[in-house]
């Protein structure tokens, strides 16, 4: 019986670690998220004109 308990504890521990890792990734992604306004704003880029001369 004790083998089953330790296996169950190991599974619970791994599940908790996976959940913690998932939460860290979500927090990091949220911190690095760029607002939509910043990604849709047109930024003039005239470098290509210099290359055509």
PDB file of N, CA and C in Angstrom:
ATOM      1  N   UNK A   1       0.806  -1.191   0.000  1.00  0.00           N
ATOM      2  CA  UNK A   1       0.000   0.000   0.000  1.00  0.00           C
ATOM      3  C   UNK A   1       0.861   1.273   0.000  1.00  0.00           C
ATOM      4  N   UNK A   2       1.992   1.233   0.675  1.00  0.00           N
ATOM      5  CA  UNK A   2       2.803   2.427   0.782  1.00  0.00           C
ATOM      6  C   UNK A   2       3.360   2.842  -0.587  1.00  0.00           C
ATOM      7  N   UNK A   3       3.606   1.877  -1.464  1.00  0.00           N
ATOM      8  CA  UNK A   3       4.069   2.194  -2.812  1.00  0.00           C
ATOM      9  C   UNK A   3       3.041   3.001  -3.575  1.00  0.00           C
ATOM     10  N   UNK A   4       1.766   2.658  -3.412  1.00  0.00           N
ATOM     11  CA  UNK A   4       0.702   3.404  -4.078  1.00  0.00           C
ATOM     12  C   UNK A   4       0.624   4.837  -3.563  1.00  0.00           C
ATOM     13  N   UNK A   5       0.794   5.013  -2.260  1.00  0.00           N
ATOM     14  CA  UNK A   5       0.736   6.351  -1.675  1.00  0.00           C
ATOM     15  C   UNK A   5       1.879   7.224  -2.181  1.00  0.00           C
ATOM     16  N   UNK A   6       3.077   6.662  -2.249  1.00  0.00           N
ATOM     17  CA  UNK A   6       4.207   7.462  -2.709  1.00  0.00           C
ATOM     18  C   UNK A   6       4.077   7.773  -4.199  1.00  0.00           C
ATOM     19  N   UNK A   7       3.544   6.826  -4.982  1.00  0.00           N
ATOM     20  CA  UNK A   7       3.319   7.086  -6.401  1.00  0.00           C
ATOM     21  C   UNK A   7       2.270   8.180  -6.567  1.00  0.00           C
ATOM     22  N   UNK A   8       1.230   8.138  -5.755  1.00  0.00           N
ATOM     23  CA  UNK A   8       0.186   9.155  -5.817  1.00  0.00           C
ATOM     24  C   UNK A   8       0.746  10.527  -5.423  1.00  0.00           C
ATOM     25  N   UNK A   9       1.590  10.564  -4.389  1.00  0.00           N
ATOM     26  CA  UNK A   9       2.206  11.826  -3.974  1.00  0.00           C
ATOM     27  C   UNK A   9       3.115  12.363  -5.075  1.00  0.00           C
ATOM     28  N   UNK A  10       3.836  11.456  -5.734  1.00  0.00           N
ATOM     29  CA  UNK A  10       4.721  11.877  -6.823  1.00  0.00           C
ATOM     30  C   UNK A  10       3.905  12.465  -7.971  1.00  0.00           C
ATOM     31  N   UNK A  11       2.781  11.826  -8.301  1.00  0.00           N
ATOM     32  CA  UNK A  11       1.923  12.344  -9.366  1.00  0.00           C
ATOM     33  C   UNK A  11       1.353  13.702  -8.995  1.00  0.00           C
ATOM     34  N   UNK A  12       0.936  13.845  -7.739  1.00  0.00           N
ATOM     35  CA  UNK A  12       0.404  15.133  -7.297  1.00  0.00           C
ATOM     36  C   UNK A  12       1.481  16.211  -7.331  1.00  0.00           C
ATOM     37  N   UNK A  13       2.688  15.843  -6.948  1.00  0.00           N
ATOM     38  CA  UNK A  13       3.795  16.786  -6.960  1.00  0.00           C
ATOM     39  C   UNK A  13       4.105  17.226  -8.393  1.00  0.00           C
ATOM     40  N   UNK A  14       4.135  16.273  -9.327  1.00  0.00           N
ATOM     41  CA  UNK A  14       4.394  16.606 -10.726  1.00  0.00           C
ATOM     42  C   UNK A  14       3.285  17.481 -11.288  1.00  0.00           C
ATOM     43  N   UNK A  15       2.047  17.174 -10.935  1.00  0.00           N
ATOM     44  CA  UNK A  15       0.929  17.988 -11.412  1.00  0.00           C
ATOM     45  C   UNK A  15       1.035  19.407 -10.872  1.00  0.00           C
ATOM     46  N   UNK A  16       1.424  19.551  -9.621  1.00  0.00           N
ATOM     47  CA  UNK A  16       1.585  20.880  -9.031  1.00  0.00           C
ATOM     48  C   UNK A  16       2.729  21.636  -9.713  1.00  0.00           C
ATOM     49  N   UNK A  17       3.816  20.944 -10.012  1.00  0.00           N
ATOM     50  CA  UNK A  17       4.941  21.584 -10.705  1.00  0.00           C
ATOM     51  C   UNK A  17       4.532  22.031 -12.104  1.00  0.00           C
ATOM     52  N   UNK A  18       3.782  21.172 -12.812  1.00  0.00           N
ATOM     53  CA  UNK A  18       3.313  21.542 -14.155  1.00  0.00           C
ATOM     54  C   UNK A  18       2.400  22.765 -14.090  1.00  0.00           C
ATOM     55  N   UNK A  19       1.501  22.784 -13.124  1.00  0.00           N
ATOM     56  CA  UNK A  19       0.589  23.922 -12.975  1.00  0.00           C
ATOM     57  C   UNK A  19       1.358  25.193 -12.639  1.00  0.00           C
ATOM     58  N   UNK A  20       2.355  25.086 -11.776  1.00  0.00           N
ATOM     59  CA  UNK A  20       3.172  26.254 -11.419  1.00  0.00           C
ATOM     60  C   UNK A  20       3.943  26.755 -12.644  1.00  0.00           C
ATOM     61  N   UNK A  21       4.482  25.838 -13.427  1.00  0.00           N
ATOM     62  CA  UNK A  21       5.215  26.225 -14.636  1.00  0.00           C
ATOM     63  C   UNK A  21       4.270  26.898 -15.628  1.00  0.00           C
ATOM     64  N   UNK A  22       3.065  26.360 -15.747  1.00  0.00           N
ATOM     65  CA  UNK A  22       2.082  26.951 -16.655  1.00  0.00           C
ATOM     66  C   UNK A  22       1.733  28.366 -16.215  1.00  0.00           C
ATOM     67  N   UNK A  23       1.556  28.564 -14.918  1.00  0.00           N
ATOM     68  CA  UNK A  23       1.237  29.895 -14.405  1.00  0.00           C
ATOM     69  C   UNK A  23       2.399  30.863 -14.635  1.00  0.00           C
ATOM     70  N   UNK A  24       3.643  30.382 -14.469  1.00  0.00           N
ATOM     71  CA  UNK A  24       4.806  31.249 -14.735  1.00  0.00           C
ATOM     72  C   UNK A  24       4.856  31.646 -16.201  1.00  0.00           C
ATOM     73  N   UNK A  25       4.593  30.700 -17.099  1.00  0.00           N
ATOM     74  CA  UNK A  25       4.601  31.013 -18.531  1.00  0.00           C
ATOM     75  C   UNK A  25       3.500  32.004 -18.887  1.00  0.00           C
ATOM     76  N   UNK A  26       2.314  31.806 -18.329  1.00  0.00           N
ATOM     77  CA  UNK A  26       1.226  32.737 -18.599  1.00  0.00           C
ATOM     78  C   UNK A  26       1.545  34.133 -18.075  1.00  0.00           C
ATOM     79  N   UNK A  27       2.141  34.209 -16.901  1.00  0.00           N
ATOM     80  CA  UNK A  27       2.514  35.508 -16.336  1.00  0.00           C
ATOM     81  C   UNK A  27       3.580  36.186 -17.189  1.00  0.00           C
ATOM     82  N   UNK A  28       4.543  35.407 -17.670  1.00  0.00           N
ATOM     83  CA  UNK A  28       5.600  35.969 -18.517  1.00  0.00           C
ATOM     84  C   UNK A  28       5.016  36.446 -19.842  1.00  0.00           C
ATOM     85  N   UNK A  29       4.127  35.651 -20.432  1.00  0.00           N
ATOM     86  CA  UNK A  29       3.509  36.040 -21.699  1.00  0.00           C
ATOM     87  C   UNK A  29       2.681  37.307 -21.530  1.00  0.00           C
ATOM     88  N   UNK A  30       1.972  37.417 -20.419  1.00  0.00           N
ATOM     89  CA  UNK A  30       1.174  38.610 -20.161  1.00  0.00           C
ATOM     90  C   UNK A  30       2.073  39.826 -19.980  1.00  0.00           C
ATOM     91  N   UNK A  31       3.210  39.647 -19.322  1.00  0.00           N
ATOM     92  CA  UNK A  31       4.142  40.752 -19.106  1.00  0.00           C
ATOM     93  C   UNK A  31       4.759  41.220 -20.423  1.00  0.00           C
ATOM     94  N   UNK A  32       4.962  40.291 -21.368  1.00  0.00           N
ATOM     95  CA  UNK A  32       5.602  40.634 -22.644  1.00  0.00           C
ATOM     96  C   UNK A  32       4.595  40.980 -23.732  1.00  0.00           C
ATOM     97  N   UNK A  33       3.298  40.929 -23.385  1.00  0.00           N
ATOM     98  CA  UNK A  33       2.257  41.167 -24.374  1.00  0.00           C
ATOM     99  C   UNK A  33       2.323  42.603 -24.874  1.00  0.00           C
ATOM    100  N   UNK A  34       2.145  42.779 -26.189  1.00  0.00           N
ATOM    101  CA  UNK A  34       2.147  44.103 -26.794  1.00  0.00           C
ATOM    102  C   UNK A  34       0.700  44.495 -27.068  1.00  0.00           C
ATOM    103  N   UNK A  35       0.279  45.654 -26.623  1.00  0.00           N
ATOM    104  CA  UNK A  35      -1.099  46.082 -26.885  1.00  0.00           C
ATOM    105  C   UNK A  35      -1.394  46.148 -28.378  1.00  0.00           C
ATOM    106  N   UNK A  36      -2.630  45.869 -28.752  1.00  0.00           N
ATOM    107  CA  UNK A  36      -3.013  45.842 -30.165  1.00  0.00           C
ATOM    108  C   UNK A  36      -2.764  47.186 -30.813  1.00  0.00           C
ATOM    109  N   UNK A  37      -2.986  48.268 -30.093  1.00  0.00           N
ATOM    110  CA  UNK A  37      -2.770  49.601 -30.666  1.00  0.00           C
ATOM    111  C   UNK A  37      -1.339  49.765 -31.159  1.00  0.00           C
ATOM    112  N   UNK A  38      -0.377  49.170 -30.440  1.00  0.00           N
ATOM    113  CA  UNK A  38       1.024  49.299 -30.836  1.00  0.00           C
ATOM    114  C   UNK A  38       1.354  48.459 -32.063  1.00  0.00           C
ATOM    115  N   UNK A  39       0.634  47.354 -32.270  1.00  0.00           N
ATOM    116  CA  UNK A  39       0.972  46.490 -33.395  1.00  0.00           C
ATOM    117  C   UNK A  39       0.273  46.908 -34.675  1.00  0.00           C
ATOM    118  N   UNK A  40      -0.807  47.673 -34.580  1.00  0.00           N
ATOM    119  CA  UNK A  40      -1.552  48.038 -35.788  1.00  0.00           C
ATOM    120  C   UNK A  40      -1.224  49.439 -36.269  1.00  0.00           C
ATOM    121  N   UNK A  41      -0.463  50.185 -35.510  1.00  0.00           N
ATOM    122  CA  UNK A  41      -0.118  51.545 -35.902  1.00  0.00           C
ATOM    123  C   UNK A  41       0.915  51.502 -37.032  1.00  0.00           C
ATOM    124  N   UNK A  42       0.662  52.262 -38.073  1.00  0.00           N
ATOM    125  CA  UNK A  42       1.589  52.296 -39.205  1.00  0.00           C
ATOM    126  C   UNK A  42       2.813  53.129 -38.824  1.00  0.00           C
ATOM    127  N   UNK A  43       3.970  52.576 -39.083  1.00  0.00           N
ATOM    128  CA  UNK A  43       5.216  53.273 -38.817  1.00  0.00           C
ATOM    129  C   UNK A  43       5.938  53.438 -40.145  1.00  0.00           C
ATOM    130  N   UNK A  44       6.178  54.673 -40.568  1.00  0.00           N
ATOM    131  CA  UNK A  44       6.846  54.863 -41.863  1.00  0.00           C
ATOM    132  C   UNK A  44       8.255  54.282 -41.844  1.00  0.00           C
ATOM    133  N   UNK A  45       8.550  53.553 -42.892  1.00  0.00           N
ATOM    134  CA  UNK A  45       9.873  52.951 -43.013  1.00  0.00           C
ATOM    135  C   UNK A  45      10.386  53.278 -44.405  1.00  0.00           C
ATOM    136  N   UNK A  46      11.290  54.233 -44.479  1.00  0.00           N
ATOM    137  CA  UNK A  46      11.754  54.709 -45.795  1.00  0.00           C
ATOM    138  C   UNK A  46      13.083  54.076 -46.213  1.00  0.00           C
ATOM    139  N   UNK A  47      13.508  53.065 -45.477  1.00  0.00           N
ATOM    140  CA  UNK A  47      14.792  52.431 -45.834  1.00  0.00           C
ATOM    141  C   UNK A  47      14.761  51.862 -47.241  1.00  0.00           C
ATOM    142  N   UNK A  48      13.610  51.304 -47.641  1.00  0.00           N
ATOM    143  CA  UNK A  48      13.538  50.680 -48.967  1.00  0.00           C
ATOM    144  C   UNK A  48      13.760  51.706 -50.079  1.00  0.00           C
ATOM    145  N   UNK A  49      13.439  52.971 -49.832  1.00  0.00           N
ATOM    146  CA  UNK A  49      13.656  54.007 -50.863  1.00  0.00           C
ATOM    147  C   UNK A  49      15.143  54.256 -51.053  1.00  0.00           C
ATOM    148  N   UNK A  50      15.906  54.221 -49.983  1.00  0.00           N
ATOM    149  CA  UNK A  50      17.352  54.427 -50.106  1.00  0.00           C
ATOM    150  C   UNK A  50      17.989  53.329 -50.938  1.00  0.00           C
ATOM    151  N   UNK A  51      17.451  52.098 -50.811  1.00  0.00           N
ATOM    152  CA  UNK A  51      18.025  50.983 -51.548  1.00  0.00           C
ATOM    153  C   UNK A  51      17.730  51.081 -53.041  1.00  0.00           C
ATOM    154  N   UNK A  52      16.703  51.809 -53.443  1.00  0.00           N
ATOM    155  CA  UNK A  52      16.342  51.877 -54.854  1.00  0.00           C
ATOM    156  C   UNK A  52      17.144  52.915 -55.613  1.00  0.00           C
ATOM    157  N   UNK A  53      17.804  53.786 -54.891  1.00  0.00           N
ATOM    158  CA  UNK A  53      18.561  54.835 -55.590  1.00  0.00           C
ATOM    159  C   UNK A  53      19.820  54.319 -56.195  1.00  0.00           C
TER     160      UNK A  53
END
